[in-house]
Amino acid sequence: MLGRLGEAAVALGLLAVGAALKMRGTSGSHGASCYLLAVKLLAVPAAGLLAASSLGLSGVYFDTVIVFGALPTATSAYILAVRMGGDGPGVAWLVSANTLLAMLTLPVWLTIALRY
């Protein structure tokens, strides 16, 4: 029973984010949103690349560090933001934008990881 509930958690998180999403964007400034997206999709994988190479990782270990850094933000961030009294619609927009932009950046980081 708990296994089935756990399997449905990702889908329910996506439904919750989609229900809260407003097409007008975030409630804050667009500059801050772009900054957060750039940090998550560009700076975090780059930091992972530097850390993995400085630690001498190779093969699947190196690739795992890059992929984990390049993955989009989890949908559970929205649920946590709402529960803690944060900006739910803003987080929903950021999670959605992060997921959509990750479709562009993730293949780039995978290519870099395979060629490095």
PDB file of N, CA and C in Angstrom:
ATOM      1  N   MET A   1       0.819  -1.190   0.000  1.00  0.00           N
ATOM      2  CA  MET A   1       0.000   0.000   0.000  1.00  0.00           C
ATOM      3  C   MET A   1       0.864   1.255   0.000  1.00  0.00           C
ATOM      4  N   LEU A   2       1.857   1.294   0.895  1.00  0.00           N
ATOM      5  CA  LEU A   2       2.730   2.455   0.946  1.00  0.00           C
ATOM      6  C   LEU A   2       3.569   2.579  -0.320  1.00  0.00           C
ATOM      7  N   GLY A   3       3.913   1.443  -0.906  1.00  0.00           N
ATOM      8  CA  GLY A   3       4.675   1.472  -2.151  1.00  0.00           C
ATOM      9  C   GLY A   3       3.912   2.160  -3.267  1.00  0.00           C
ATOM     10  N   ARG A   4       2.643   1.864  -3.368  1.00  0.00           N
ATOM     11  CA  ARG A   4       1.813   2.500  -4.407  1.00  0.00           C
ATOM     12  C   ARG A   4       1.651   3.994  -4.156  1.00  0.00           C
ATOM     13  N   LEU A   5       1.504   4.378  -2.903  1.00  0.00           N
ATOM     14  CA  LEU A   5       1.417   5.803  -2.582  1.00  0.00           C
ATOM     15  C   LEU A   5       2.727   6.511  -2.920  1.00  0.00           C
ATOM     16  N   GLY A   6       3.836   5.851  -2.647  1.00  0.00           N
ATOM     17  CA  GLY A   6       5.132   6.431  -2.978  1.00  0.00           C
ATOM     18  C   GLY A   6       5.325   6.601  -4.471  1.00  0.00           C
ATOM     19  N   GLU A   7       4.839   5.642  -5.254  1.00  0.00           N
ATOM     20  CA  GLU A   7       4.948   5.737  -6.711  1.00  0.00           C
ATOM     21  C   GLU A   7       4.119   6.890  -7.262  1.00  0.00           C
ATOM     22  N   ALA A   8       3.039   7.217  -6.591  1.00  0.00           N
ATOM     23  CA  ALA A   8       2.162   8.296  -7.055  1.00  0.00           C
ATOM     24  C   ALA A   8       2.630   9.669  -6.598  1.00  0.00           C
ATOM     25  N   ALA A   9       3.643   9.738  -5.746  1.00  0.00           N
ATOM     26  CA  ALA A   9       4.060  11.018  -5.173  1.00  0.00           C
ATOM     27  C   ALA A   9       4.539  11.999  -6.233  1.00  0.00           C
ATOM     28  N   VAL A  10       5.320  11.538  -7.196  1.00  0.00           N
ATOM     29  CA  VAL A  10       5.829  12.436  -8.233  1.00  0.00           C
ATOM     30  C   VAL A  10       4.688  12.984  -9.078  1.00  0.00           C
ATOM     31  N   ALA A  11       3.778  12.121  -9.466  1.00  0.00           N
ATOM     32  CA  ALA A  11       2.645  12.572 -10.274  1.00  0.00           C
ATOM     33  C   ALA A  11       1.776  13.557  -9.506  1.00  0.00           C
ATOM     34  N   LEU A  12       1.550  13.301  -8.233  1.00  0.00           N
ATOM     35  CA  LEU A  12       0.752  14.223  -7.428  1.00  0.00           C
ATOM     36  C   LEU A  12       1.462  15.557  -7.246  1.00  0.00           C
ATOM     37  N   GLY A  13       2.777  15.526  -7.102  1.00  0.00           N
ATOM     38  CA  GLY A  13       3.541  16.773  -7.010  1.00  0.00           C
ATOM     39  C   GLY A  13       3.425  17.592  -8.274  1.00  0.00           C
ATOM     40  N   LEU A  14       3.508  16.928  -9.427  1.00  0.00           N
ATOM     41  CA  LEU A  14       3.356  17.637 -10.701  1.00  0.00           C
ATOM     42  C   LEU A  14       1.953  18.213 -10.860  1.00  0.00           C
ATOM     43  N   LEU A  15       0.945  17.473 -10.420  1.00  0.00           N
ATOM     44  CA  LEU A  15      -0.424  17.989 -10.470  1.00  0.00           C
ATOM     45  C   LEU A  15      -0.586  19.208  -9.571  1.00  0.00           C
ATOM     46  N   ALA A  16       0.017  19.177  -8.402  1.00  0.00           N
ATOM     47  CA  ALA A  16      -0.083  20.313  -7.487  1.00  0.00           C
ATOM     48  C   ALA A  16       0.601  21.541  -8.065  1.00  0.00           C
ATOM     49  N   VAL A  17       1.772  21.349  -8.665  1.00  0.00           N
ATOM     50  CA  VAL A  17       2.472  22.474  -9.294  1.00  0.00           C
ATOM     51  C   VAL A  17       1.657  23.016 -10.449  1.00  0.00           C
ATOM     52  N   GLY A  18       1.113  22.146 -11.271  1.00  0.00           N
ATOM     53  CA  GLY A  18       0.311  22.590 -12.412  1.00  0.00           C
ATOM     54  C   GLY A  18      -0.936  23.337 -11.989  1.00  0.00           C
ATOM     55  N   ALA A  19      -1.548  22.913 -10.900  1.00  0.00           N
ATOM     56  CA  ALA A  19      -2.755  23.590 -10.419  1.00  0.00           C
ATOM     57  C   ALA A  19      -2.446  24.982  -9.898  1.00  0.00           C
ATOM     58  N   ALA A  20      -1.250  25.178  -9.355  1.00  0.00           N
ATOM     59  CA  ALA A  20      -0.892  26.483  -8.797  1.00  0.00           C
ATOM     60  C   ALA A  20      -0.258  27.410  -9.819  1.00  0.00           C
ATOM     61  N   LEU A  21       0.076  26.883 -10.980  1.00  0.00           N
ATOM     62  CA  LEU A  21       0.804  27.668 -11.973  1.00  0.00           C
ATOM     63  C   LEU A  21      -0.083  28.740 -12.581  1.00  0.00           C
ATOM     64  N   LYS A  22       0.451  29.927 -12.634  1.00  0.00           N
ATOM     65  CA  LYS A  22      -0.230  31.036 -13.295  1.00  0.00           C
ATOM     66  C   LYS A  22       0.670  31.488 -14.428  1.00  0.00           C
ATOM     67  N   MET A  23       0.108  31.668 -15.587  1.00  0.00           N
ATOM     68  CA  MET A  23       0.915  31.972 -16.765  1.00  0.00           C
ATOM     69  C   MET A  23       1.510  33.380 -16.731  1.00  0.00           C
ATOM     70  N   ARG A  24       1.190  34.172 -15.742  1.00  0.00           N
ATOM     71  CA  ARG A  24       1.728  35.520 -15.676  1.00  0.00           C
ATOM     72  C   ARG A  24       3.147  35.549 -15.132  1.00  0.00           C
ATOM     73  N   GLY A  25       3.665  34.443 -14.689  1.00  0.00           N
ATOM     74  CA  GLY A  25       5.036  34.384 -14.201  1.00  0.00           C
ATOM     75  C   GLY A  25       5.091  34.474 -12.687  1.00  0.00           C
ATOM     76  N   THR A  26       6.233  34.899 -12.189  1.00  0.00           N
ATOM     77  CA  THR A  26       6.425  34.970 -10.754  1.00  0.00           C
ATOM     78  C   THR A  26       5.863  36.262 -10.210  1.00  0.00           C
ATOM     79  N   SER A  27       5.635  36.280  -8.909  1.00  0.00           N
ATOM     80  CA  SER A  27       5.129  37.492  -8.284  1.00  0.00           C
ATOM     81  C   SER A  27       6.252  38.479  -7.999  1.00  0.00           C
ATOM     82  N   GLY A  28       7.501  38.030  -8.043  1.00  0.00           N
ATOM     83  CA  GLY A  28       8.641  38.900  -7.806  1.00  0.00           C
ATOM     84  C   GLY A  28       9.223  39.414  -9.106  1.00  0.00           C
ATOM     85  N   SER A  29      10.466  39.835  -9.025  1.00  0.00           N
ATOM     86  CA  SER A  29      11.113  40.383 -10.212  1.00  0.00           C
ATOM     87  C   SER A  29      11.590  39.264 -11.128  1.00  0.00           C
ATOM     88  N   HIS A  30      11.631  39.576 -12.402  1.00  0.00           N
ATOM     89  CA  HIS A  30      12.091  38.581 -13.373  1.00  0.00           C
ATOM     90  C   HIS A  30      13.601  38.389 -13.284  1.00  0.00           C
ATOM     91  N   GLY A  31      14.312  39.413 -12.852  1.00  0.00           N
ATOM     92  CA  GLY A  31      15.757  39.292 -12.702  1.00  0.00           C
ATOM     93  C   GLY A  31      16.141  38.237 -11.686  1.00  0.00           C
ATOM     94  N   ALA A  32      15.444  38.226 -10.563  1.00  0.00           N
ATOM     95  CA  ALA A  32      15.730  37.232  -9.526  1.00  0.00           C
ATOM     96  C   ALA A  32      15.390  35.828 -10.014  1.00  0.00           C
ATOM     97  N   SER A  33      14.302  35.708 -10.755  1.00  0.00           N
ATOM     98  CA  SER A  33      13.914  34.398 -11.291  1.00  0.00           C
ATOM     99  C   SER A  33      14.949  33.891 -12.281  1.00  0.00           C
ATOM    100  N   CYS A  34      15.404  34.763 -13.168  1.00  0.00           N
ATOM    101  CA  CYS A  34      16.432  34.370 -14.144  1.00  0.00           C
ATOM    102  C   CYS A  34      17.727  33.995 -13.443  1.00  0.00           C
ATOM    103  N   TYR A  35      18.070  34.729 -12.402  1.00  0.00           N
ATOM    104  CA  TYR A  35      19.274  34.420 -11.638  1.00  0.00           C
ATOM    105  C   TYR A  35      19.175  33.026 -11.019  1.00  0.00           C
ATOM    106  N   LEU A  36      18.046  32.732 -10.379  1.00  0.00           N
ATOM    107  CA  LEU A  36      17.871  31.420  -9.754  1.00  0.00           C
ATOM    108  C   LEU A  36      17.903  30.293 -10.779  1.00  0.00           C
ATOM    109  N   LEU A  37      17.282  30.517 -11.931  1.00  0.00           N
ATOM    110  CA  LEU A  37      17.304  29.499 -12.987  1.00  0.00           C
ATOM    111  C   LEU A  37      18.720  29.283 -13.508  1.00  0.00           C
ATOM    112  N   ALA A  38      19.471  30.371 -13.680  1.00  0.00           N
ATOM    113  CA  ALA A  38      20.845  30.252 -14.174  1.00  0.00           C
ATOM    114  C   ALA A  38      21.731  29.526 -13.170  1.00  0.00           C
ATOM    115  N   VAL A  39      21.551  29.828 -11.900  1.00  0.00           N
ATOM    116  CA  VAL A  39      22.351  29.149 -10.880  1.00  0.00           C
ATOM    117  C   VAL A  39      22.059  27.655 -10.891  1.00  0.00           C
ATOM    118  N   LYS A  40      20.776  27.290 -10.908  1.00  0.00           N
ATOM    119  CA  LYS A  40      20.421  25.864 -10.841  1.00  0.00           C
ATOM    120  C   LYS A  40      20.824  25.104 -12.091  1.00  0.00           C
ATOM    121  N   LEU A  41      20.637  25.702 -13.260  1.00  0.00           N
ATOM    122  CA  LEU A  41      20.865  24.963 -14.503  1.00  0.00           C
ATOM    123  C   LEU A  41      22.275  25.121 -15.071  1.00  0.00           C
ATOM    124  N   LEU A  42      23.004  26.149 -14.651  1.00  0.00           N
ATOM    125  CA  LEU A  42      24.342  26.372 -15.196  1.00  0.00           C
ATOM    126  C   LEU A  42      25.436  26.305 -14.131  1.00  0.00           C
ATOM    127  N   ALA A  43      25.258  27.034 -13.024  1.00  0.00           N
ATOM    128  CA  ALA A  43      26.322  27.107 -12.026  1.00  0.00           C
ATOM    129  C   ALA A  43      26.463  25.821 -11.212  1.00  0.00           C
ATOM    130  N   VAL A  44      25.357  25.208 -10.836  1.00  0.00           N
ATOM    131  CA  VAL A  44      25.438  23.982 -10.029  1.00  0.00           C
ATOM    132  C   VAL A  44      26.099  22.839 -10.809  1.00  0.00           C
ATOM    133  N   PRO A  45      25.712  22.589 -12.068  1.00  0.00           N
ATOM    134  CA  PRO A  45      26.432  21.540 -12.807  1.00  0.00           C
ATOM    135  C   PRO A  45      27.901  21.892 -13.055  1.00  0.00           C
ATOM    136  N   ALA A  46      28.186  23.179 -13.267  1.00  0.00           N
ATOM    137  CA  ALA A  46      29.581  23.586 -13.464  1.00  0.00           C
ATOM    138  C   ALA A  46      30.390  23.359 -12.192  1.00  0.00           C
ATOM    139  N   ALA A  47      29.804  23.658 -11.039  1.00  0.00           N
ATOM    140  CA  ALA A  47      30.482  23.393  -9.772  1.00  0.00           C
ATOM    141  C   ALA A  47      30.686  21.892  -9.574  1.00  0.00           C
ATOM    142  N   GLY A  48      29.703  21.102  -9.972  1.00  0.00           N
ATOM    143  CA  GLY A  48      29.851  19.651  -9.902  1.00  0.00           C
ATOM    144  C   GLY A  48      30.960  19.150 -10.810  1.00  0.00           C
ATOM    145  N   LEU A  49      31.057  19.739 -11.996  1.00  0.00           N
ATOM    146  CA  LEU A  49      32.122  19.381 -12.935  1.00  0.00           C
ATOM    147  C   LEU A  49      33.491  19.678 -12.333  1.00  0.00           C
ATOM    148  N   LEU A  50      33.632  20.859 -11.746  1.00  0.00           N
ATOM    149  CA  LEU A  50      34.907  21.222 -11.120  1.00  0.00           C
ATOM    150  C   LEU A  50      35.224  20.322  -9.926  1.00  0.00           C
ATOM    151  N   ALA A  51      34.216  20.042  -9.104  1.00  0.00           N
ATOM    152  CA  ALA A  51      34.437  19.192  -7.935  1.00  0.00           C
ATOM    153  C   ALA A  51      34.796  17.766  -8.343  1.00  0.00           C
ATOM    154  N   ALA A  52      34.076  17.222  -9.319  1.00  0.00           N
ATOM    155  CA  ALA A  52      34.341  15.848  -9.752  1.00  0.00           C
ATOM    156  C   ALA A  52      35.716  15.720 -10.390  1.00  0.00           C
ATOM    157  N   SER A  53      36.092  16.712 -11.186  1.00  0.00           N
ATOM    158  CA  SER A  53      37.408  16.634 -11.823  1.00  0.00           C
ATOM    159  C   SER A  53      38.527  16.857 -10.812  1.00  0.00           C
ATOM    160  N   SER A  54      38.319  17.731  -9.824  1.00  0.00           N
ATOM    161  CA  SER A  54      39.364  17.956  -8.825  1.00  0.00           C
ATOM    162  C   SER A  54      39.505  16.771  -7.873  1.00  0.00           C
ATOM    163  N   LEU A  55      38.441  16.014  -7.690  1.00  0.00           N
ATOM    164  CA  LEU A  55      38.513  14.812  -6.860  1.00  0.00           C
ATOM    165  C   LEU A  55      39.029  13.600  -7.629  1.00  0.00           C
ATOM    166  N   GLY A  56      39.212  13.758  -8.929  1.00  0.00           N
ATOM    167  CA  GLY A  56      39.731  12.666  -9.736  1.00  0.00           C
ATOM    168  C   GLY A  56      38.704  11.600 -10.074  1.00  0.00           C
ATOM    169  N   LEU A  57      37.436  11.949 -10.021  1.00  0.00           N
ATOM    170  CA  LEU A  57      36.400  10.976 -10.368  1.00  0.00           C
ATOM    171  C   LEU A  57      36.414  10.712 -11.865  1.00  0.00           C
ATOM    172  N   SER A  58      36.011   9.526 -12.237  1.00  0.00           N
ATOM    173  CA  SER A  58      35.945   9.186 -13.658  1.00  0.00           C
ATOM    174  C   SER A  58      34.798   8.207 -13.885  1.00  0.00           C
ATOM    175  N   GLY A  59      34.474   8.031 -15.145  1.00  0.00           N
ATOM    176  CA  GLY A  59      33.444   7.072 -15.519  1.00  0.00           C
ATOM    177  C   GLY A  59      32.074   7.438 -15.003  1.00  0.00           C
ATOM    178  N   VAL A  60      31.379   6.422 -14.514  1.00  0.00           N
ATOM    179  CA  VAL A  60      29.998   6.613 -14.078  1.00  0.00           C
ATOM    180  C   VAL A  60      29.914   7.540 -12.863  1.00  0.00           C
ATOM    181  N   TYR A  61      30.940   7.574 -12.035  1.00  0.00           N
ATOM    182  CA  TYR A  61      30.927   8.452 -10.866  1.00  0.00           C
ATOM    183  C   TYR A  61      30.970   9.921 -11.291  1.00  0.00           C
ATOM    184  N   PHE A  62      31.825  10.214 -12.246  1.00  0.00           N
ATOM    185  CA  PHE A  62      31.927  11.573 -12.783  1.00  0.00           C
ATOM    186  C   PHE A  62      30.612  11.979 -13.435  1.00  0.00           C
ATOM    187  N   ASP A  63      30.070  11.097 -14.258  1.00  0.00           N
ATOM    188  CA  ASP A  63      28.813  11.393 -14.954  1.00  0.00           C
ATOM    189  C   ASP A  63      27.658  11.596 -13.977  1.00  0.00           C
ATOM    190  N   THR A  64      27.636  10.819 -12.902  1.00  0.00           N
ATOM    191  CA  THR A  64      26.564  10.936 -11.914  1.00  0.00           C
ATOM    192  C   THR A  64      26.576  12.297 -11.232  1.00  0.00           C
ATOM    193  N   VAL A  65      27.749  12.794 -10.906  1.00  0.00           N
ATOM    194  CA  VAL A  65      27.849  14.117 -10.279  1.00  0.00           C
ATOM    195  C   VAL A  65      27.306  15.189 -11.215  1.00  0.00           C
ATOM    196  N   ILE A  66      27.662  15.110 -12.491  1.00  0.00           N
ATOM    197  CA  ILE A  66      27.205  16.108 -13.462  1.00  0.00           C
ATOM    198  C   ILE A  66      25.691  16.013 -13.652  1.00  0.00           C
ATOM    199  N   VAL A  67      25.182  14.809 -13.817  1.00  0.00           N
ATOM    200  CA  VAL A  67      23.743  14.636 -14.055  1.00  0.00           C
ATOM    201  C   VAL A  67      22.936  15.097 -12.844  1.00  0.00           C
ATOM    202  N   PHE A  68      23.360  14.732 -11.641  1.00  0.00           N
ATOM    203  CA  PHE A  68      22.614  15.162 -10.453  1.00  0.00           C
ATOM    204  C   PHE A  68      22.618  16.677 -10.315  1.00  0.00           C
ATOM    205  N   GLY A  69      23.717  17.312 -10.676  1.00  0.00           N
ATOM    206  CA  GLY A  69      23.762  18.773 -10.621  1.00  0.00           C
ATOM    207  C   GLY A  69      22.897  19.427 -11.675  1.00  0.00           C
ATOM    208  N   ALA A  70      22.714  18.767 -12.812  1.00  0.00           N
ATOM    209  CA  ALA A  70      21.979  19.355 -13.936  1.00  0.00           C
ATOM    210  C   ALA A  70      20.487  19.061 -13.914  1.00  0.00           C
ATOM    211  N   LEU A  71      20.041  18.186 -13.032  1.00  0.00           N
ATOM    212  CA  LEU A  71      18.613  17.853 -12.981  1.00  0.00           C
ATOM    213  C   LEU A  71      17.788  19.049 -12.517  1.00  0.00           C
ATOM    214  N   PRO A  72      16.547  19.155 -12.983  1.00  0.00           N
ATOM    215  CA  PRO A  72      15.708  20.284 -12.554  1.00  0.00           C
ATOM    216  C   PRO A  72      15.274  20.151 -11.098  1.00  0.00           C
ATOM    217  N   THR A  73      14.752  21.238 -10.584  1.00  0.00           N
ATOM    218  CA  THR A  73      14.272  21.283  -9.206  1.00  0.00           C
ATOM    219  C   THR A  73      13.111  20.314  -9.004  1.00  0.00           C
ATOM    220  N   ALA A  74      13.084  19.664  -7.864  1.00  0.00           N
ATOM    221  CA  ALA A  74      12.025  18.701  -7.563  1.00  0.00           C
ATOM    222  C   ALA A  74      10.694  19.410  -7.335  1.00  0.00           C
ATOM    223  N   THR A  75       9.620  18.740  -7.716  1.00  0.00           N
ATOM    224  CA  THR A  75       8.287  19.317  -7.527  1.00  0.00           C
ATOM    225  C   THR A  75       7.918  19.423  -6.056  1.00  0.00           C
ATOM    226  N   SER A  76       8.601  18.684  -5.218  1.00  0.00           N
ATOM    227  CA  SER A  76       8.315  18.771  -3.784  1.00  0.00           C
ATOM    228  C   SER A  76       8.683  20.139  -3.215  1.00  0.00           C
ATOM    229  N   ALA A  77       9.474  20.923  -3.933  1.00  0.00           N
ATOM    230  CA  ALA A  77       9.794  22.282  -3.485  1.00  0.00           C
ATOM    231  C   ALA A  77       8.533  23.128  -3.387  1.00  0.00           C
ATOM    232  N   TYR A  78       7.602  22.916  -4.306  1.00  0.00           N
ATOM    233  CA  TYR A  78       6.338  23.657  -4.258  1.00  0.00           C
ATOM    234  C   TYR A  78       5.544  23.292  -3.013  1.00  0.00           C
ATOM    235  N   ILE A  79       5.431  22.012  -2.744  1.00  0.00           N
ATOM    236  CA  ILE A  79       4.666  21.553  -1.582  1.00  0.00           C
ATOM    237  C   ILE A  79       5.289  22.098  -0.302  1.00  0.00           C
ATOM    238  N   LEU A  80       6.609  22.075  -0.226  1.00  0.00           N
ATOM    239  CA  LEU A  80       7.302  22.596   0.943  1.00  0.00           C
ATOM    240  C   LEU A  80       7.086  24.100   1.089  1.00  0.00           C
ATOM    241  N   ALA A  81       7.144  24.829  -0.019  1.00  0.00           N
ATOM    242  CA  ALA A  81       6.940  26.280   0.037  1.00  0.00           C
ATOM    243  C   ALA A  81       5.543  26.625   0.528  1.00  0.00           C
ATOM    244  N   VAL A  82       4.543  25.913   0.053  1.00  0.00           N
ATOM    245  CA  VAL A  82       3.167  26.184   0.479  1.00  0.00           C
ATOM    246  C   VAL A  82       2.988  25.841   1.955  1.00  0.00           C
ATOM    247  N   ARG A  83       3.522  24.705   2.369  1.00  0.00           N
ATOM    248  CA  ARG A  83       3.383  24.275   3.766  1.00  0.00           C
ATOM    249  C   ARG A  83       4.074  25.231   4.733  1.00  0.00           C
ATOM    250  N   MET A  84       5.181  25.828   4.285  1.00  0.00           N
ATOM    251  CA  MET A  84       5.946  26.720   5.150  1.00  0.00           C
ATOM    252  C   MET A  84       5.516  28.176   5.014  1.00  0.00           C
ATOM    253  N   GLY A  85       4.456  28.439   4.253  1.00  0.00           N
ATOM    254  CA  GLY A  85       3.948  29.798   4.114  1.00  0.00           C
ATOM    255  C   GLY A  85       4.694  30.639   3.101  1.00  0.00           C
ATOM    256  N   GLY A  86       5.385  30.012   2.172  1.00  0.00           N
ATOM    257  CA  GLY A  86       6.144  30.736   1.159  1.00  0.00           C
ATOM    258  C   GLY A  86       5.295  31.121  -0.037  1.00  0.00           C
ATOM    259  N   ASP A  87       5.962  31.582  -1.071  1.00  0.00           N
ATOM    260  CA  ASP A  87       5.302  32.033  -2.298  1.00  0.00           C
ATOM    261  C   ASP A  87       5.032  30.829  -3.194  1.00  0.00           C
ATOM    262  N   GLY A  88       3.904  30.179  -2.987  1.00  0.00           N
ATOM    263  CA  GLY A  88       3.554  28.983  -3.748  1.00  0.00           C
ATOM    264  C   GLY A  88       3.497  29.199  -5.241  1.00  0.00           C
ATOM    265  N   PRO A  89       2.761  30.219  -5.732  1.00  0.00           N
ATOM    266  CA  PRO A  89       2.713  30.441  -7.181  1.00  0.00           C
ATOM    267  C   PRO A  89       4.075  30.770  -7.787  1.00  0.00           C
ATOM    268  N   GLY A  90       4.890  31.508  -7.064  1.00  0.00           N
ATOM    269  CA  GLY A  90       6.233  31.815  -7.559  1.00  0.00           C
ATOM    270  C   GLY A  90       7.097  30.575  -7.670  1.00  0.00           C
ATOM    271  N   VAL A  91       7.020  29.720  -6.664  1.00  0.00           N
ATOM    272  CA  VAL A  91       7.781  28.468  -6.688  1.00  0.00           C
ATOM    273  C   VAL A  91       7.254  27.555  -7.782  1.00  0.00           C
ATOM    274  N   ALA A  92       5.939  27.532  -7.973  1.00  0.00           N
ATOM    275  CA  ALA A  92       5.363  26.711  -9.047  1.00  0.00           C
ATOM    276  C   ALA A  92       5.885  27.167 -10.401  1.00  0.00           C
ATOM    277  N   TRP A  93       5.973  28.480 -10.602  1.00  0.00           N
ATOM    278  CA  TRP A  93       6.495  28.996 -11.867  1.00  0.00           C
ATOM    279  C   TRP A  93       7.965  28.628 -12.032  1.00  0.00           C
ATOM    280  N   LEU A  94       8.745  28.777 -10.962  1.00  0.00           N
ATOM    281  CA  LEU A  94      10.170  28.445 -11.043  1.00  0.00           C
ATOM    282  C   LEU A  94      10.393  26.960 -11.308  1.00  0.00           C
ATOM    283  N   VAL A  95       9.628  26.100 -10.659  1.00  0.00           N
ATOM    284  CA  VAL A  95       9.765  24.655 -10.886  1.00  0.00           C
ATOM    285  C   VAL A  95       9.412  24.315 -12.329  1.00  0.00           C
ATOM    286  N   SER A  96       8.335  24.911 -12.837  1.00  0.00           N
ATOM    287  CA  SER A  96       7.927  24.639 -14.221  1.00  0.00           C
ATOM    288  C   SER A  96       8.949  25.162 -15.217  1.00  0.00           C
ATOM    289  N   ALA A  97       9.416  26.394 -15.019  1.00  0.00           N
ATOM    290  CA  ALA A  97      10.421  26.967 -15.919  1.00  0.00           C
ATOM    291  C   ALA A  97      11.718  26.175 -15.850  1.00  0.00           C
ATOM    292  N   ASN A  98      12.093  25.751 -14.647  1.00  0.00           N
ATOM    293  CA  ASN A  98      13.304  24.967 -14.473  1.00  0.00           C
ATOM    294  C   ASN A  98      13.209  23.645 -15.213  1.00  0.00           C
ATOM    295  N   THR A  99      12.065  22.994 -15.137  1.00  0.00           N
ATOM    296  CA  THR A  99      11.872  21.717 -15.826  1.00  0.00           C
ATOM    297  C   THR A  99      11.916  21.898 -17.336  1.00  0.00           C
ATOM    298  N   LEU A 100      11.264  22.945 -17.841  1.00  0.00           N
ATOM    299  CA  LEU A 100      11.265  23.186 -19.289  1.00  0.00           C
ATOM    300  C   LEU A 100      12.655  23.550 -19.796  1.00  0.00           C
ATOM    301  N   LEU A 101      13.365  24.413 -19.076  1.00  0.00           N
ATOM    302  CA  LEU A 101      14.708  24.800 -19.513  1.00  0.00           C
ATOM    303  C   LEU A 101      15.710  23.661 -19.367  1.00  0.00           C
ATOM    304  N   ALA A 102      15.468  22.763 -18.424  1.00  0.00           N
ATOM    305  CA  ALA A 102      16.356  21.611 -18.260  1.00  0.00           C
ATOM    306  C   ALA A 102      16.325  20.701 -19.480  1.00  0.00           C
ATOM    307  N   MET A 103      15.233  20.753 -20.241  1.00  0.00           N
ATOM    308  CA  MET A 103      15.190  19.971 -21.485  1.00  0.00           C
ATOM    309  C   MET A 103      16.230  20.480 -22.477  1.00  0.00           C
ATOM    310  N   LEU A 104      16.641  21.731 -22.341  1.00  0.00           N
ATOM    311  CA  LEU A 104      17.678  22.288 -23.211  1.00  0.00           C
ATOM    312  C   LEU A 104      19.071  22.118 -22.619  1.00  0.00           C
ATOM    313  N   THR A 105      19.205  22.321 -21.309  1.00  0.00           N
ATOM    314  CA  THR A 105      20.533  22.303 -20.704  1.00  0.00           C
ATOM    315  C   THR A 105      21.031  20.904 -20.355  1.00  0.00           C
ATOM    316  N   LEU A 106      20.137  19.993 -20.023  1.00  0.00           N
ATOM    317  CA  LEU A 106      20.566  18.648 -19.631  1.00  0.00           C
ATOM    318  C   LEU A 106      21.315  17.918 -20.743  1.00  0.00           C
ATOM    319  N   PRO A 107      20.857  17.957 -22.000  1.00  0.00           N
ATOM    320  CA  PRO A 107      21.651  17.319 -23.056  1.00  0.00           C
ATOM    321  C   PRO A 107      23.037  17.945 -23.230  1.00  0.00           C
ATOM    322  N   VAL A 108      23.129  19.246 -23.004  1.00  0.00           N
ATOM    323  CA  VAL A 108      24.437  19.913 -23.100  1.00  0.00           C
ATOM    324  C   VAL A 108      25.371  19.393 -22.020  1.00  0.00           C
ATOM    325  N   TRP A 109      24.882  19.318 -20.789  1.00  0.00           N
ATOM    326  CA  TRP A 109      25.719  18.818 -19.698  1.00  0.00           C
ATOM    327  C   TRP A 109      26.054  17.343 -19.871  1.00  0.00           C
ATOM    328  N   LEU A 110      25.136  16.558 -20.415  1.00  0.00           N
ATOM    329  CA  LEU A 110      25.443  15.147 -20.683  1.00  0.00           C
ATOM    330  C   LEU A 110      26.542  15.016 -21.728  1.00  0.00           C
ATOM    331  N   THR A 111      26.479  15.849 -22.759  1.00  0.00           N
ATOM    332  CA  THR A 111      27.521  15.836 -23.790  1.00  0.00           C
ATOM    333  C   THR A 111      28.864  16.239 -23.205  1.00  0.00           C
ATOM    334  N   ILE A 112      28.868  17.265 -22.370  1.00  0.00           N
ATOM    335  CA  ILE A 112      30.113  17.701 -21.728  1.00  0.00           C
ATOM    336  C   ILE A 112      30.665  16.592 -20.845  1.00  0.00           C
ATOM    337  N   ALA A 113      29.794  15.928 -20.086  1.00  0.00           N
ATOM    338  CA  ALA A 113      30.248  14.857 -19.196  1.00  0.00           C
ATOM    339  C   ALA A 113      30.844  13.693 -19.978  1.00  0.00           C
ATOM    340  N   LEU A 114      30.249  13.362 -21.111  1.00  0.00           N
ATOM    341  CA  LEU A 114      30.757  12.233 -21.895  1.00  0.00           C
ATOM    342  C   LEU A 114      32.060  12.559 -22.604  1.00  0.00           C
ATOM    343  N   ARG A 115      32.283  13.820 -22.916  1.00  0.00           N
ATOM    344  CA  ARG A 115      33.508  14.204 -23.634  1.00  0.00           C
ATOM    345  C   ARG A 115      34.638  14.611 -22.709  1.00  0.00           C
ATOM    346  N   TYR A 116      34.346  14.827 -21.448  1.00  0.00           N
ATOM    347  CA  TYR A 116      35.366  15.334 -20.526  1.00  0.00           C
ATOM    348  C   TYR A 116      36.330  14.241 -20.139  1.00  0.00           C
TER     349      TYR A 116
END
